[in-house]
Amino acid sequence: MRFRRLAIVLALLFAIVASGPALSAQQSAAQAQHRQTSTPYTGDLTIFESPDREAKLHIHHVMDILGIAPGKTVADIGAGSGWFTARAAQRVANTGTVYAVDINPEAVDYIKDRAEKENLRNVKTILNQPDDPGLPPGSIDAVLMLKTYHEVAHPVTLLRNLRPALRPGARVGVIDRTGNGVDHGVQKDVVIREAKQAGYRLLEEHDDLVKGDKMDYFLVFAEQ
């Protein structure tokens, strides 16, 4: 009887220890889904058109790292004024496509007008849901989230919903700024952790590339 009771106690202890990592993983995912985020920007879109932005962000080097070239299909998630969309559209040329994705209807309309004025016939706009980019399956070679990630309320869900749209070898870039979530920034390690939970692996870090102020960072991911 004594040995039987001891066996039961040991079995219960083993069950508790074994369930610990699973509970921690669930708690970690829940925390990622409910961490603090910044309110999505809805103001004057011309704020993204500062003359020195291209040089500060080294955007052409960023596109090189993401493999953006003629004929490629690119997603600009959180496209805003279409600042990056326009530059990516020129890079992929007439044989490529750029999807400008935003949850703000005003931004989508702004980019439609911009594409028409600048004769960017390879730009397609998507008014997406906050947790789903709404991209066609198997269509995307490269993604950039430029100063957008800190506004995503459920980043793990968004990144998971992005995966069906990615082609083999697709690269996903995140450029953001160090912060606490509500100050239009988010810690780099938070992005890396959430991307891993969504099924991505970190390929490269280029913190010295964007602005050089030691506050901005550029992360490149691929599916695991």
C-alpha atoms as a PDB file:
ATOM      1  CA  MET A   1       0.000   0.000   0.000  1.00  0.00           C
ATOM      2  CA  ARG A   2       2.828   2.370   0.941  1.00  0.00           C
ATOM      3  CA  PHE A   3       4.577   1.766  -2.392  1.00  0.00           C
ATOM      4  CA  ARG A   4       1.299   2.268  -4.252  1.00  0.00           C
ATOM      5  CA  ARG A   5       0.737   5.655  -2.598  1.00  0.00           C
ATOM      6  CA  LEU A   6       4.314   6.659  -3.372  1.00  0.00           C
ATOM      7  CA  ALA A   7       3.827   5.702  -7.020  1.00  0.00           C
ATOM      8  CA  ILE A   8       0.655   7.802  -7.214  1.00  0.00           C
ATOM      9  CA  VAL A   9       2.405  10.822  -5.663  1.00  0.00           C
ATOM     10  CA  LEU A  10       5.341  10.497  -8.046  1.00  0.00           C
ATOM     11  CA  ALA A  11       2.967  10.205 -11.012  1.00  0.00           C
ATOM     12  CA  LEU A  12       1.147  13.380  -9.967  1.00  0.00           C
ATOM     13  CA  LEU A  13       4.425  15.266  -9.540  1.00  0.00           C
ATOM     14  CA  PHE A  14       5.592  14.133 -12.968  1.00  0.00           C
ATOM     15  CA  ALA A  15       2.313  15.303 -14.519  1.00  0.00           C
ATOM     16  CA  ILE A  16       2.656  18.728 -12.913  1.00  0.00           C
ATOM     17  CA  VAL A  17       6.263  19.136 -14.063  1.00  0.00           C
ATOM     18  CA  ALA A  18       5.445  17.914 -17.575  1.00  0.00           C
ATOM     19  CA  SER A  19       2.573  20.365 -17.924  1.00  0.00           C
ATOM     20  CA  GLY A  20       4.737  23.304 -16.824  1.00  0.00           C
ATOM     21  CA  PRO A  21       6.398  24.126 -20.201  1.00  0.00           C
ATOM     22  CA  ALA A  22       3.068  23.846 -22.050  1.00  0.00           C
ATOM     23  CA  LEU A  23       1.429  26.241 -19.635  1.00  0.00           C
ATOM     24  CA  SER A  24       4.363  28.622 -19.950  1.00  0.00           C
ATOM     25  CA  ALA A  25       4.091  28.533 -23.740  1.00  0.00           C
ATOM     26  CA  GLN A  26       0.365  29.243 -23.558  1.00  0.00           C
ATOM     27  CA  GLN A  27       0.950  32.119 -21.154  1.00  0.00           C
ATOM     28  CA  SER A  28       3.706  33.503 -23.375  1.00  0.00           C
ATOM     29  CA  ALA A  29       1.445  33.414 -26.432  1.00  0.00           C
ATOM     30  CA  ALA A  30      -1.345  35.080 -24.486  1.00  0.00           C
ATOM     31  CA  GLN A  31       1.006  37.830 -23.341  1.00  0.00           C
ATOM     32  CA  ALA A  32       2.162  38.394 -26.928  1.00  0.00           C
ATOM     33  CA  GLN A  33      -1.437  38.743 -28.067  1.00  0.00           C
ATOM     34  CA  HIS A  34      -2.269  41.279 -25.353  1.00  0.00           C
ATOM     35  CA  ARG A  35       0.878  43.346 -24.965  1.00  0.00           C
ATOM     36  CA  GLN A  36       0.675  47.110 -25.184  1.00  0.00           C
ATOM     37  CA  THR A  37       0.586  48.630 -28.662  1.00  0.00           C
ATOM     38  CA  SER A  38       0.455  52.104 -30.138  1.00  0.00           C
ATOM     39  CA  THR A  39      -2.720  53.538 -31.617  1.00  0.00           C
ATOM     40  CA  PRO A  40      -2.576  53.173 -35.427  1.00  0.00           C
ATOM     41  CA  TYR A  41      -1.728  56.482 -37.086  1.00  0.00           C
ATOM     42  CA  THR A  42      -4.614  58.205 -38.870  1.00  0.00           C
ATOM     43  CA  GLY A  43      -3.261  61.731 -39.305  1.00  0.00           C
ATOM     44  CA  ASP A  44      -1.730  63.638 -42.201  1.00  0.00           C
ATOM     45  CA  LEU A  45      -0.102  61.036 -44.455  1.00  0.00           C
ATOM     46  CA  THR A  46       2.389  63.500 -45.908  1.00  0.00           C
ATOM     47  CA  ILE A  47       4.315  63.196 -42.646  1.00  0.00           C
ATOM     48  CA  PHE A  48       5.943  60.077 -44.143  1.00  0.00           C
ATOM     49  CA  GLU A  49       7.304  62.000 -47.122  1.00  0.00           C
ATOM     50  CA  SER A  50      10.216  63.822 -45.494  1.00  0.00           C
ATOM     51  CA  PRO A  51      12.990  64.499 -48.050  1.00  0.00           C
ATOM     52  CA  ASP A  52      15.735  62.799 -46.015  1.00  0.00           C
ATOM     53  CA  ARG A  53      13.808  59.635 -45.177  1.00  0.00           C
ATOM     54  CA  GLU A  54      15.192  57.624 -48.065  1.00  0.00           C
ATOM     55  CA  ALA A  55      18.784  58.331 -47.059  1.00  0.00           C
ATOM     56  CA  LYS A  56      18.181  57.730 -43.343  1.00  0.00           C
ATOM     57  CA  LEU A  57      16.529  54.364 -43.900  1.00  0.00           C
ATOM     58  CA  HIS A  58      18.907  53.254 -46.691  1.00  0.00           C
ATOM     59  CA  ILE A  59      15.802  51.901 -48.363  1.00  0.00           C
ATOM     60  CA  HIS A  60      17.550  50.695 -51.520  1.00  0.00           C
ATOM     61  CA  HIS A  61      19.940  48.603 -49.425  1.00  0.00           C
ATOM     62  CA  VAL A  62      16.933  47.321 -47.479  1.00  0.00           C
ATOM     63  CA  MET A  63      15.359  46.191 -50.753  1.00  0.00           C
ATOM     64  CA  ASP A  64      18.603  44.466 -51.746  1.00  0.00           C
ATOM     65  CA  ILE A  65      18.587  42.501 -48.478  1.00  0.00           C
ATOM     66  CA  LEU A  66      14.939  41.504 -48.968  1.00  0.00           C
ATOM     67  CA  GLY A  67      15.683  40.330 -52.511  1.00  0.00           C
ATOM     68  CA  ILE A  68      13.365  42.844 -54.136  1.00  0.00           C
ATOM     69  CA  ALA A  69      14.162  42.839 -57.860  1.00  0.00           C
ATOM     70  CA  PRO A  70      12.377  43.070 -61.231  1.00  0.00           C
ATOM     71  CA  GLY A  71       9.566  40.549 -61.489  1.00  0.00           C
ATOM     72  CA  LYS A  72       9.160  40.024 -57.738  1.00  0.00           C
ATOM     73  CA  THR A  73       5.927  40.422 -55.784  1.00  0.00           C
ATOM     74  CA  VAL A  74       6.169  42.552 -52.655  1.00  0.00           C
ATOM     75  CA  ALA A  75       3.816  43.322 -49.767  1.00  0.00           C
ATOM     76  CA  ASP A  76       4.030  46.670 -47.975  1.00  0.00           C
ATOM     77  CA  ILE A  77       2.075  45.994 -44.768  1.00  0.00           C
ATOM     78  CA  GLY A  78       1.006  49.184 -43.058  1.00  0.00           C
ATOM     79  CA  ALA A  79       1.674  51.103 -46.249  1.00  0.00           C
ATOM     80  CA  GLY A  80       0.535  54.515 -44.994  1.00  0.00           C
ATOM     81  CA  SER A  81       1.194  57.092 -47.704  1.00  0.00           C
ATOM     82  CA  GLY A  82       2.708  54.501 -50.034  1.00  0.00           C
ATOM     83  CA  TRP A  83       6.221  55.864 -49.490  1.00  0.00           C
ATOM     84  CA  PHE A  84       7.797  52.411 -49.625  1.00  0.00           C
ATOM     85  CA  THR A  85       5.181  51.078 -52.049  1.00  0.00           C
ATOM     86  CA  ALA A  86       6.236  53.601 -54.702  1.00  0.00           C
ATOM     87  CA  ARG A  87       9.921  52.740 -54.351  1.00  0.00           C
ATOM     88  CA  ALA A  88       9.298  49.005 -54.395  1.00  0.00           C
ATOM     89  CA  ALA A  89       7.063  49.407 -57.456  1.00  0.00           C
ATOM     90  CA  GLN A  90       9.894  51.082 -59.331  1.00  0.00           C
ATOM     91  CA  ARG A  91      12.293  48.319 -58.264  1.00  0.00           C
ATOM     92  CA  VAL A  92      10.098  45.366 -59.349  1.00  0.00           C
ATOM     93  CA  ALA A  93       9.271  47.123 -62.646  1.00  0.00           C
ATOM     94  CA  ASN A  94       6.380  46.251 -64.938  1.00  0.00           C
ATOM     95  CA  THR A  95       6.879  42.508 -64.506  1.00  0.00           C
ATOM     96  CA  GLY A  96       6.446  42.678 -60.733  1.00  0.00           C
ATOM     97  CA  THR A  97       3.671  43.629 -58.333  1.00  0.00           C
ATOM     98  CA  VAL A  98       3.460  45.535 -55.060  1.00  0.00           C
ATOM     99  CA  TYR A  99       0.543  45.057 -52.695  1.00  0.00           C
ATOM    100  CA  ALA A 100      -0.039  48.125 -50.534  1.00  0.00           C
ATOM    101  CA  VAL A 101      -1.800  46.823 -47.421  1.00  0.00           C
ATOM    102  CA  ASP A 102      -3.380  49.063 -44.794  1.00  0.00           C
ATOM    103  CA  ILE A 103      -6.270  49.003 -42.314  1.00  0.00           C
ATOM    104  CA  ASN A 104      -6.953  52.716 -42.860  1.00  0.00           C
ATOM    105  CA  PRO A 105      -9.390  53.396 -45.754  1.00  0.00           C
ATOM    106  CA  GLU A 106      -7.959  56.888 -46.171  1.00  0.00           C
ATOM    107  CA  ALA A 107      -4.477  55.454 -46.656  1.00  0.00           C
ATOM    108  CA  VAL A 108      -5.740  52.978 -49.245  1.00  0.00           C
ATOM    109  CA  ASP A 109      -7.488  55.766 -51.194  1.00  0.00           C
ATOM    110  CA  TYR A 110      -4.379  57.957 -50.904  1.00  0.00           C
ATOM    111  CA  ILE A 111      -2.181  55.212 -52.383  1.00  0.00           C
ATOM    112  CA  LYS A 112      -4.646  54.560 -55.205  1.00  0.00           C
ATOM    113  CA  ASP A 113      -4.459  58.256 -56.161  1.00  0.00           C
ATOM    114  CA  ARG A 114      -0.681  58.249 -55.806  1.00  0.00           C
ATOM    115  CA  ALA A 115      -0.266  55.196 -58.025  1.00  0.00           C
ATOM    116  CA  GLU A 116      -2.392  56.819 -60.708  1.00  0.00           C
ATOM    117  CA  LYS A 117      -0.517  60.140 -60.543  1.00  0.00           C
ATOM    118  CA  GLU A 118       2.887  58.435 -60.610  1.00  0.00           C
ATOM    119  CA  ASN A 119       1.793  55.918 -63.270  1.00  0.00           C
ATOM    120  CA  LEU A 120       2.534  52.942 -61.022  1.00  0.00           C
ATOM    121  CA  ARG A 121       0.428  50.343 -62.772  1.00  0.00           C
ATOM    122  CA  ASN A 122       1.949  47.467 -60.828  1.00  0.00           C
ATOM    123  CA  VAL A 123       0.499  48.612 -57.476  1.00  0.00           C
ATOM    124  CA  LYS A 124      -2.518  46.885 -55.954  1.00  0.00           C
ATOM    125  CA  THR A 125      -4.160  48.094 -52.744  1.00  0.00           C
ATOM    126  CA  ILE A 126      -5.707  45.974 -50.005  1.00  0.00           C
ATOM    127  CA  LEU A 127      -7.890  47.265 -47.177  1.00  0.00           C
ATOM    128  CA  ASN A 128      -7.090  44.530 -44.700  1.00  0.00           C
ATOM    129  CA  GLN A 129      -8.304  43.357 -41.328  1.00  0.00           C
ATOM    130  CA  PRO A 130      -6.007  44.151 -38.371  1.00  0.00           C
ATOM    131  CA  ASP A 131      -5.106  40.476 -37.878  1.00  0.00           C
ATOM    132  CA  ASP A 132      -4.997  39.381 -41.520  1.00  0.00           C
ATOM    133  CA  PRO A 133      -3.123  41.009 -44.423  1.00  0.00           C
ATOM    134  CA  GLY A 134      -5.600  39.548 -46.919  1.00  0.00           C
ATOM    135  CA  LEU A 135      -2.933  38.651 -49.471  1.00  0.00           C
ATOM    136  CA  PRO A 136      -3.445  36.036 -52.204  1.00  0.00           C
ATOM    137  CA  PRO A 137      -2.095  32.569 -51.324  1.00  0.00           C
ATOM    138  CA  GLY A 138       1.395  31.746 -52.565  1.00  0.00           C
ATOM    139  CA  SER A 139       1.939  35.181 -54.078  1.00  0.00           C
ATOM    140  CA  ILE A 140       4.588  37.036 -52.071  1.00  0.00           C
ATOM    141  CA  ASP A 141       8.393  37.056 -52.429  1.00  0.00           C
ATOM    142  CA  ALA A 142       9.153  39.810 -49.917  1.00  0.00           C
ATOM    143  CA  VAL A 143       7.381  41.710 -47.144  1.00  0.00           C
ATOM    144  CA  LEU A 144       8.273  44.906 -45.344  1.00  0.00           C
ATOM    145  CA  MET A 145       6.589  46.226 -42.212  1.00  0.00           C
ATOM    146  CA  LEU A 146       8.057  49.710 -41.972  1.00  0.00           C
ATOM    147  CA  LYS A 147       7.429  51.361 -38.588  1.00  0.00           C
ATOM    148  CA  THR A 148       4.160  49.426 -38.365  1.00  0.00           C
ATOM    149  CA  TYR A 149       4.794  46.441 -36.109  1.00  0.00           C
ATOM    150  CA  HIS A 150       4.352  48.421 -32.875  1.00  0.00           C
ATOM    151  CA  GLU A 151       0.757  49.222 -33.925  1.00  0.00           C
ATOM    152  CA  VAL A 152      -0.275  45.586 -34.440  1.00  0.00           C
ATOM    153  CA  ALA A 153      -2.521  44.507 -31.564  1.00  0.00           C
ATOM    154  CA  HIS A 154      -2.237  40.760 -32.268  1.00  0.00           C
ATOM    155  CA  PRO A 155       1.113  40.327 -34.013  1.00  0.00           C
ATOM    156  CA  VAL A 156       1.363  36.545 -33.696  1.00  0.00           C
ATOM    157  CA  THR A 157      -2.021  36.115 -35.368  1.00  0.00           C
ATOM    158  CA  LEU A 158      -1.126  38.567 -38.138  1.00  0.00           C
ATOM    159  CA  LEU A 159       2.170  36.824 -38.848  1.00  0.00           C
ATOM    160  CA  ARG A 160       0.510  33.422 -38.877  1.00  0.00           C
ATOM    161  CA  ASN A 161      -2.122  34.662 -41.309  1.00  0.00           C
ATOM    162  CA  LEU A 162       0.654  36.052 -43.498  1.00  0.00           C
ATOM    163  CA  ARG A 163       2.336  32.671 -43.954  1.00  0.00           C
ATOM    164  CA  PRO A 164      -0.066  31.182 -46.562  1.00  0.00           C
ATOM    165  CA  ALA A 165       0.729  34.125 -48.853  1.00  0.00           C
ATOM    166  CA  LEU A 166       4.497  33.530 -48.779  1.00  0.00           C
ATOM    167  CA  ARG A 167       6.315  31.762 -51.566  1.00  0.00           C
ATOM    168  CA  PRO A 168       9.231  29.411 -50.755  1.00  0.00           C
ATOM    169  CA  GLY A 169      12.237  31.483 -49.716  1.00  0.00           C
ATOM    170  CA  ALA A 170      10.209  34.642 -49.066  1.00  0.00           C
ATOM    171  CA  ARG A 171      11.756  37.182 -46.734  1.00  0.00           C
ATOM    172  CA  VAL A 172       9.837  39.219 -44.157  1.00  0.00           C
ATOM    173  CA  GLY A 173      11.441  42.460 -43.004  1.00  0.00           C
ATOM    174  CA  VAL A 174      10.548  44.471 -39.910  1.00  0.00           C
ATOM    175  CA  ILE A 175      11.924  47.963 -39.422  1.00  0.00           C
ATOM    176  CA  ASP A 176      10.914  49.513 -36.136  1.00  0.00           C
ATOM    177  CA  ARG A 177      12.115  51.550 -33.211  1.00  0.00           C
ATOM    178  CA  THR A 178      12.978  50.552 -29.662  1.00  0.00           C
ATOM    179  CA  GLY A 179      10.119  51.374 -27.310  1.00  0.00           C
ATOM    180  CA  ASN A 180       7.569  50.118 -24.808  1.00  0.00           C
ATOM    181  CA  GLY A 181       4.710  49.467 -27.227  1.00  0.00           C
ATOM    182  CA  VAL A 182       2.675  52.608 -26.594  1.00  0.00           C
ATOM    183  CA  ASP A 183       5.360  55.124 -27.614  1.00  0.00           C
ATOM    184  CA  HIS A 184       5.451  54.115 -31.300  1.00  0.00           C
ATOM    185  CA  GLY A 185       8.170  51.582 -30.693  1.00  0.00           C
ATOM    186  CA  VAL A 186       8.660  48.009 -29.507  1.00  0.00           C
ATOM    187  CA  GLN A 187      11.647  46.100 -28.158  1.00  0.00           C
ATOM    188  CA  LYS A 188      13.544  44.063 -30.732  1.00  0.00           C
ATOM    189  CA  ASP A 189      13.520  40.916 -28.608  1.00  0.00           C
ATOM    190  CA  VAL A 190       9.726  41.103 -28.416  1.00  0.00           C
ATOM    191  CA  VAL A 191       9.486  41.076 -32.225  1.00  0.00           C
ATOM    192  CA  ILE A 192      11.874  38.125 -32.461  1.00  0.00           C
ATOM    193  CA  ARG A 193       9.977  36.155 -29.823  1.00  0.00           C
ATOM    194  CA  GLU A 194       6.578  36.786 -31.400  1.00  0.00           C
ATOM    195  CA  ALA A 195       7.834  35.925 -34.872  1.00  0.00           C
ATOM    196  CA  LYS A 196       9.163  32.613 -33.542  1.00  0.00           C
ATOM    197  CA  GLN A 197       5.770  31.861 -31.993  1.00  0.00           C
ATOM    198  CA  ALA A 198       4.178  32.523 -35.376  1.00  0.00           C
ATOM    199  CA  GLY A 199       6.479  30.048 -37.126  1.00  0.00           C
ATOM    200  CA  TYR A 200       9.362  32.214 -38.345  1.00  0.00           C
ATOM    201  CA  ARG A 201      13.108  32.129 -37.822  1.00  0.00           C
ATOM    202  CA  LEU A 202      15.436  35.111 -37.661  1.00  0.00           C
ATOM    203  CA  LEU A 203      17.762  35.263 -40.669  1.00  0.00           C
ATOM    204  CA  GLU A 204      19.566  38.578 -40.285  1.00  0.00           C
ATOM    205  CA  GLU A 205      19.831  41.707 -38.161  1.00  0.00           C
ATOM    206  CA  HIS A 206      20.898  45.057 -39.584  1.00  0.00           C
ATOM    207  CA  ASP A 207      20.621  47.477 -36.681  1.00  0.00           C
ATOM    208  CA  ASP A 208      23.377  49.704 -38.039  1.00  0.00           C
ATOM    209  CA  LEU A 209      21.668  50.120 -41.394  1.00  0.00           C
ATOM    210  CA  VAL A 210      18.610  52.192 -40.467  1.00  0.00           C
ATOM    211  CA  LYS A 211      19.315  55.736 -39.284  1.00  0.00           C
ATOM    212  CA  GLY A 212      22.333  54.729 -37.205  1.00  0.00           C
ATOM    213  CA  ASP A 213      20.808  56.203 -34.035  1.00  0.00           C
ATOM    214  CA  LYS A 214      20.928  52.880 -32.152  1.00  0.00           C
ATOM    215  CA  MET A 215      17.159  53.135 -31.662  1.00  0.00           C
ATOM    216  CA  ASP A 216      15.952  51.744 -34.970  1.00  0.00           C
ATOM    217  CA  TYR A 217      16.476  48.134 -36.065  1.00  0.00           C
ATOM    218  CA  PHE A 218      15.929  46.008 -39.163  1.00  0.00           C
ATOM    219  CA  LEU A 219      15.121  42.323 -38.743  1.00  0.00           C
ATOM    220  CA  VAL A 220      14.736  39.759 -41.532  1.00  0.00           C
ATOM    221  CA  PHE A 221      12.700  36.578 -41.043  1.00  0.00           C
ATOM    222  CA  ALA A 222      11.770  33.481 -43.027  1.00  0.00           C
ATOM    223  CA  GLU A 223       9.428  30.621 -42.304  1.00  0.00           C
ATOM    224  CA  GLN A 224      10.824  27.916 -40.038  1.00  0.00           C
END
